[in-house]
Amino acid sequence: VPFCLPIFTRRGNLAEVKAALKGSGVEVRPVVGAHLGYQPALKHLFEQPIDRVYPNAEWIHRRGCYVGVHSKVTVKMVHQLTALLNSL
């Protein structure tokens, strides 16, 4: 079983996507390590604003999340998730 299904939004409506997923009972997590510059242990290493140092990591951080996948996930659940995401 894969460990997760990453979800990215091109429209920048990540808050809306997360709210809809949570409202449907789907647990959402941030993309692991999307932008490590935001971690307290590393913040002090950047002289420039963190969002300008690694723009691709920033894009992932601002527009991505993931849904966990486990052995009990069915094809029907994936189709329901797809329908929900396509409705946003």
C-alpha atoms as a PDB file:
ATOM      1  CA  VAL A   1       0.000   0.000   0.000  1.00  0.00           C
ATOM      2  CA  PRO A   2       1.359   3.449  -0.835  1.00  0.00           C
ATOM      3  CA  PHE A   3       1.833   5.662   2.173  1.00  0.00           C
ATOM      4  CA  CYS A   4      -0.048   8.725   0.905  1.00  0.00           C
ATOM      5  CA  LEU A   5      -1.833  10.488  -1.903  1.00  0.00           C
ATOM      6  CA  PRO A   6      -0.381  13.965  -2.432  1.00  0.00           C
ATOM      7  CA  ILE A   7      -2.855  16.664  -3.412  1.00  0.00           C
ATOM      8  CA  PHE A   8      -1.874  19.970  -4.993  1.00  0.00           C
ATOM      9  CA  THR A   9      -4.079  22.862  -6.003  1.00  0.00           C
ATOM     10  CA  ARG A  10      -3.273  25.114  -8.934  1.00  0.00           C
ATOM     11  CA  ARG A  11      -5.872  27.665  -7.881  1.00  0.00           C
ATOM     12  CA  GLY A  12      -4.259  28.373  -4.525  1.00  0.00           C
ATOM     13  CA  ASN A  13      -7.380  27.301  -2.632  1.00  0.00           C
ATOM     14  CA  LEU A  14      -5.629  24.926  -0.248  1.00  0.00           C
ATOM     15  CA  ALA A  15      -7.675  26.092   2.754  1.00  0.00           C
ATOM     16  CA  GLU A  16     -10.886  25.298   0.854  1.00  0.00           C
ATOM     17  CA  VAL A  17      -9.559  21.881  -0.184  1.00  0.00           C
ATOM     18  CA  LYS A  18      -8.503  21.028   3.371  1.00  0.00           C
ATOM     19  CA  ALA A  19     -11.839  22.183   4.804  1.00  0.00           C
ATOM     20  CA  ALA A  20     -13.798  20.103   2.292  1.00  0.00           C
ATOM     21  CA  LEU A  21     -11.683  17.032   2.989  1.00  0.00           C
ATOM     22  CA  LYS A  22     -11.959  17.433   6.754  1.00  0.00           C
ATOM     23  CA  GLY A  23     -15.707  18.038   6.410  1.00  0.00           C
ATOM     24  CA  SER A  24     -15.981  14.699   4.625  1.00  0.00           C
ATOM     25  CA  GLY A  25     -14.063  12.912   7.359  1.00  0.00           C
ATOM     26  CA  VAL A  26     -10.794  12.690   5.444  1.00  0.00           C
ATOM     27  CA  GLU A  27      -7.679  13.274   7.530  1.00  0.00           C
ATOM     28  CA  VAL A  28      -5.312  15.767   5.919  1.00  0.00           C
ATOM     29  CA  ARG A  29      -1.623  16.296   6.638  1.00  0.00           C
ATOM     30  CA  PRO A  30       0.890  18.854   5.368  1.00  0.00           C
ATOM     31  CA  VAL A  31       3.335  17.625   2.779  1.00  0.00           C
ATOM     32  CA  VAL A  32       6.211  16.254   4.827  1.00  0.00           C
ATOM     33  CA  GLY A  33       9.274  18.414   4.435  1.00  0.00           C
ATOM     34  CA  ALA A  34       7.640  20.724   1.898  1.00  0.00           C
ATOM     35  CA  HIS A  35       9.704  23.655   3.052  1.00  0.00           C
ATOM     36  CA  LEU A  36      12.125  22.832   5.816  1.00  0.00           C
ATOM     37  CA  GLY A  37      13.070  26.499   6.049  1.00  0.00           C
ATOM     38  CA  TYR A  38       9.949  27.002   8.136  1.00  0.00           C
ATOM     39  CA  GLN A  39      11.149  24.580  10.784  1.00  0.00           C
ATOM     40  CA  PRO A  40      12.323  26.450  13.905  1.00  0.00           C
ATOM     41  CA  ALA A  41      15.704  24.721  13.884  1.00  0.00           C
ATOM     42  CA  LEU A  42      16.474  25.989  10.361  1.00  0.00           C
ATOM     43  CA  LYS A  43      14.761  29.401  10.210  1.00  0.00           C
ATOM     44  CA  HIS A  44      17.830  31.238  11.452  1.00  0.00           C
ATOM     45  CA  LEU A  45      19.927  30.009   8.482  1.00  0.00           C
ATOM     46  CA  PHE A  46      18.156  32.210   5.936  1.00  0.00           C
ATOM     47  CA  GLU A  47      19.102  35.848   5.453  1.00  0.00           C
ATOM     48  CA  GLN A  48      16.441  36.445   2.767  1.00  0.00           C
ATOM     49  CA  PRO A  49      12.719  35.896   3.322  1.00  0.00           C
ATOM     50  CA  ILE A  50      12.286  32.131   3.375  1.00  0.00           C
ATOM     51  CA  ASP A  51       9.660  32.115   0.625  1.00  0.00           C
ATOM     52  CA  ARG A  52      12.183  33.545  -1.852  1.00  0.00           C
ATOM     53  CA  VAL A  53      15.046  31.142  -1.123  1.00  0.00           C
ATOM     54  CA  TYR A  54      13.422  28.010  -2.529  1.00  0.00           C
ATOM     55  CA  PRO A  55      10.379  28.991  -4.616  1.00  0.00           C
ATOM     56  CA  ASN A  56       9.464  25.412  -5.565  1.00  0.00           C
ATOM     57  CA  ALA A  57       9.444  24.321  -1.931  1.00  0.00           C
ATOM     58  CA  GLU A  58       7.315  27.370  -1.170  1.00  0.00           C
ATOM     59  CA  TRP A  59       4.840  26.376  -3.905  1.00  0.00           C
ATOM     60  CA  ILE A  60       4.510  22.894  -2.402  1.00  0.00           C
ATOM     61  CA  HIS A  61       4.159  24.342   1.097  1.00  0.00           C
ATOM     62  CA  ARG A  62       1.387  26.766   0.075  1.00  0.00           C
ATOM     63  CA  ARG A  63      -0.523  24.490  -2.328  1.00  0.00           C
ATOM     64  CA  GLY A  64      -0.036  20.934  -1.162  1.00  0.00           C
ATOM     65  CA  CYS A  65      -1.241  18.471   1.409  1.00  0.00           C
ATOM     66  CA  TYR A  66      -1.640  14.752   1.559  1.00  0.00           C
ATOM     67  CA  VAL A  67      -4.162  12.127   2.451  1.00  0.00           C
ATOM     68  CA  GLY A  68      -2.949   8.970   4.100  1.00  0.00           C
ATOM     69  CA  VAL A  69      -3.474   5.679   2.283  1.00  0.00           C
ATOM     70  CA  HIS A  70      -3.777   2.358   4.061  1.00  0.00           C
ATOM     71  CA  SER A  71      -4.891  -1.187   3.353  1.00  0.00           C
ATOM     72  CA  LYS A  72      -8.557  -0.440   4.102  1.00  0.00           C
ATOM     73  CA  VAL A  73      -8.873   2.239   1.375  1.00  0.00           C
ATOM     74  CA  THR A  74     -11.205   0.987  -1.357  1.00  0.00           C
ATOM     75  CA  VAL A  75     -11.610   1.960  -4.988  1.00  0.00           C
ATOM     76  CA  LYS A  76     -14.995   3.444  -4.056  1.00  0.00           C
ATOM     77  CA  MET A  77     -13.302   5.702  -1.477  1.00  0.00           C
ATOM     78  CA  VAL A  78     -10.802   6.894  -4.088  1.00  0.00           C
ATOM     79  CA  HIS A  79     -13.656   7.686  -6.484  1.00  0.00           C
ATOM     80  CA  GLN A  80     -15.460   9.627  -3.738  1.00  0.00           C
ATOM     81  CA  LEU A  81     -12.292  11.567  -2.991  1.00  0.00           C
ATOM     82  CA  THR A  82     -11.804  12.322  -6.683  1.00  0.00           C
ATOM     83  CA  ALA A  83     -15.400  13.538  -7.031  1.00  0.00           C
ATOM     84  CA  LEU A  84     -15.014  15.784  -3.984  1.00  0.00           C
ATOM     85  CA  LEU A  85     -11.776  17.301  -5.256  1.00  0.00           C
ATOM     86  CA  ASN A  86     -13.174  17.826  -8.755  1.00  0.00           C
ATOM     87  CA  SER A  87     -16.161  19.682  -7.273  1.00  0.00           C
ATOM     88  CA  LEU A  88     -13.958  22.377  -5.732  1.00  0.00           C
END
